C-alpha cells in the first residue's frame, strides 16, 4: 500500500484456493497491520502472541477460538485476542480479515 493513497480493504487482497494469503499493510516497531484472506476450511493453528491483537472481519465468516472458547464473527464484526492467551482461527467459509497488533 502506498502512503496517502486511498484503497479498499476488501479489494486489497485476493483469495487463493486451499490457502491462507497475507499482506502486510504496515510494520513498525510499535506494531503491525496485516490483511489476511482464508479459503474455506483453512485457518491458523492455536498459538499466542505477546501483544493484544484486534481482528476485523471484512468479508465472509470466521470462527475465532480464544482460550478454547469459539466466537463466530461475520463481516463487519471485530474481536480482541488478549496477549498471551492461546487463540486459533478457522474459515467457516472464505473470509478476509484485518489484523491490528500494537506493541
Protein backbone atom coordinates (compact mmCIF):
# COMPACT_ATOMS: atom_id res chain seq x y z
CA UNK A 1 0.00 0.00 0.00
CA UNK A 2 1.19 3.46 -0.75
CA UNK A 3 1.04 6.14 1.92
CA UNK A 4 -1.54 8.88 1.42
CA UNK A 5 -3.44 6.90 -1.22
CA UNK A 6 -6.89 5.52 -0.50
CA UNK A 7 -7.70 1.85 -1.03
CA UNK A 8 -10.48 -0.61 -0.28
CA UNK A 9 -9.54 -3.27 2.27
CA UNK A 10 -11.72 -5.99 0.76
CA UNK A 11 -10.11 -5.44 -2.66
CA UNK A 12 -6.53 -5.14 -1.43
CA UNK A 13 -6.06 -8.92 -1.09
CA UNK A 14 -7.32 -11.88 -3.11
CA UNK A 15 -8.32 -15.39 -2.13
CA UNK A 16 -6.19 -18.34 -3.22
CA UNK A 17 -7.67 -21.85 -3.47
CA UNK A 18 -6.73 -24.03 -0.49
CA UNK A 19 -4.53 -21.33 1.06
CA UNK A 20 -4.13 -18.52 3.54
CA UNK A 21 -2.80 -15.31 1.98
CA UNK A 22 -1.38 -12.41 3.99
CA UNK A 23 -0.35 -8.90 3.04
CA UNK A 24 1.43 -6.52 5.41
CA UNK A 25 -0.07 -3.04 5.26
CA UNK A 26 2.39 -1.51 7.70
CA UNK A 27 5.07 -2.83 10.03
CA UNK A 28 6.66 -0.61 12.63
CA UNK A 29 8.47 -1.17 15.93
CA UNK A 30 5.21 -0.23 17.63
CA UNK A 31 3.00 -2.75 15.80
CA UNK A 32 1.68 -4.19 12.57
CA UNK A 33 -1.42 -4.06 10.39
CA UNK A 34 -1.91 -7.11 8.19
CA UNK A 35 -4.61 -8.27 5.78
CA UNK A 36 -5.45 -11.97 5.53
CA UNK A 37 -7.59 -13.97 3.08
CA UNK A 38 -8.53 -17.52 4.12
CA UNK A 39 -10.04 -20.07 1.76
CA UNK A 40 -12.85 -22.19 3.26
CA UNK A 41 -11.61 -24.77 5.80
CA UNK A 42 -8.23 -23.04 6.14
CA UNK A 43 -7.01 -21.48 9.38
CA UNK A 44 -4.24 -20.73 11.81
CA UNK A 45 -3.49 -23.32 14.47
CA UNK A 46 -3.56 -22.44 18.16
CA UNK A 47 -0.82 -20.03 19.20
CA UNK A 48 -0.37 -16.98 21.39
CA UNK A 49 1.16 -13.54 20.89
CA UNK A 50 2.86 -11.23 23.37
CA UNK A 51 0.51 -8.34 22.49
CA UNK A 52 -3.23 -7.79 22.17
CA UNK A 53 -4.44 -8.19 18.60
CA UNK A 54 -7.70 -6.97 17.07
CA UNK A 55 -9.39 -8.92 14.27
CA UNK A 56 -11.85 -7.11 11.99
CA UNK A 57 -13.68 -9.42 9.56
CA UNK A 58 -14.06 -7.59 6.24
CA UNK A 59 -15.62 -10.43 4.20
CA UNK A 60 -17.25 -13.77 4.96
CA UNK A 61 -17.49 -15.61 8.30
CA UNK A 62 -14.85 -16.86 10.70
CA UNK A 63 -14.53 -18.87 13.87
CA UNK A 64 -12.06 -17.28 16.28
CA UNK A 65 -11.21 -19.51 19.24
CA UNK A 66 -9.81 -17.69 22.27
CA UNK A 67 -8.79 -19.70 25.34
CA UNK A 68 -10.75 -22.69 23.95
CA UNK A 69 -13.98 -20.63 23.57
CA UNK A 70 -15.29 -20.29 19.98
CA UNK A 71 -16.59 -16.96 18.66
CA UNK A 72 -18.36 -16.75 15.29
CA UNK A 73 -17.71 -13.46 13.54
CA UNK A 74 -19.35 -12.07 10.42
CA UNK A 75 -18.37 -9.31 8.03
CA UNK A 76 -18.20 -6.04 9.97
CA UNK A 77 -17.58 -7.65 13.37
CA UNK A 78 -14.39 -7.44 15.43
CA UNK A 79 -12.83 -9.09 18.46
CA UNK A 80 -9.71 -8.53 20.53
CA UNK A 81 -7.46 -11.51 21.17
CA UNK A 82 -5.71 -10.82 24.50
CA UNK A 83 -1.94 -11.06 24.85
CA UNK A 84 -0.50 -14.40 25.97
CA UNK A 85 -3.85 -16.23 25.65
CA UNK A 86 -3.97 -19.12 23.15
CA UNK A 87 -6.12 -18.47 20.08
CA UNK A 88 -6.82 -20.03 16.67
CA UNK A 89 -8.74 -19.08 13.53
CA UNK A 90 -10.87 -21.22 11.21
CA UNK A 91 -12.58 -20.28 7.96
CA UNK A 92 -16.23 -21.36 8.22
CA UNK A 93 -16.40 -20.03 4.65
CA UNK A 94 -13.93 -17.91 2.72
CA UNK A 95 -13.16 -14.83 4.78
CA UNK A 96 -10.90 -11.81 4.87
CA UNK A 97 -9.71 -10.02 7.97
CA UNK A 98 -7.65 -7.08 9.06
CA UNK A 99 -5.33 -7.87 11.98
CA UNK A 100 -4.08 -4.93 14.05
CA UNK A 101 -1.39 -5.65 16.64
CA UNK A 102 0.02 -2.82 18.75
CA UNK A 103 3.03 -3.43 20.96
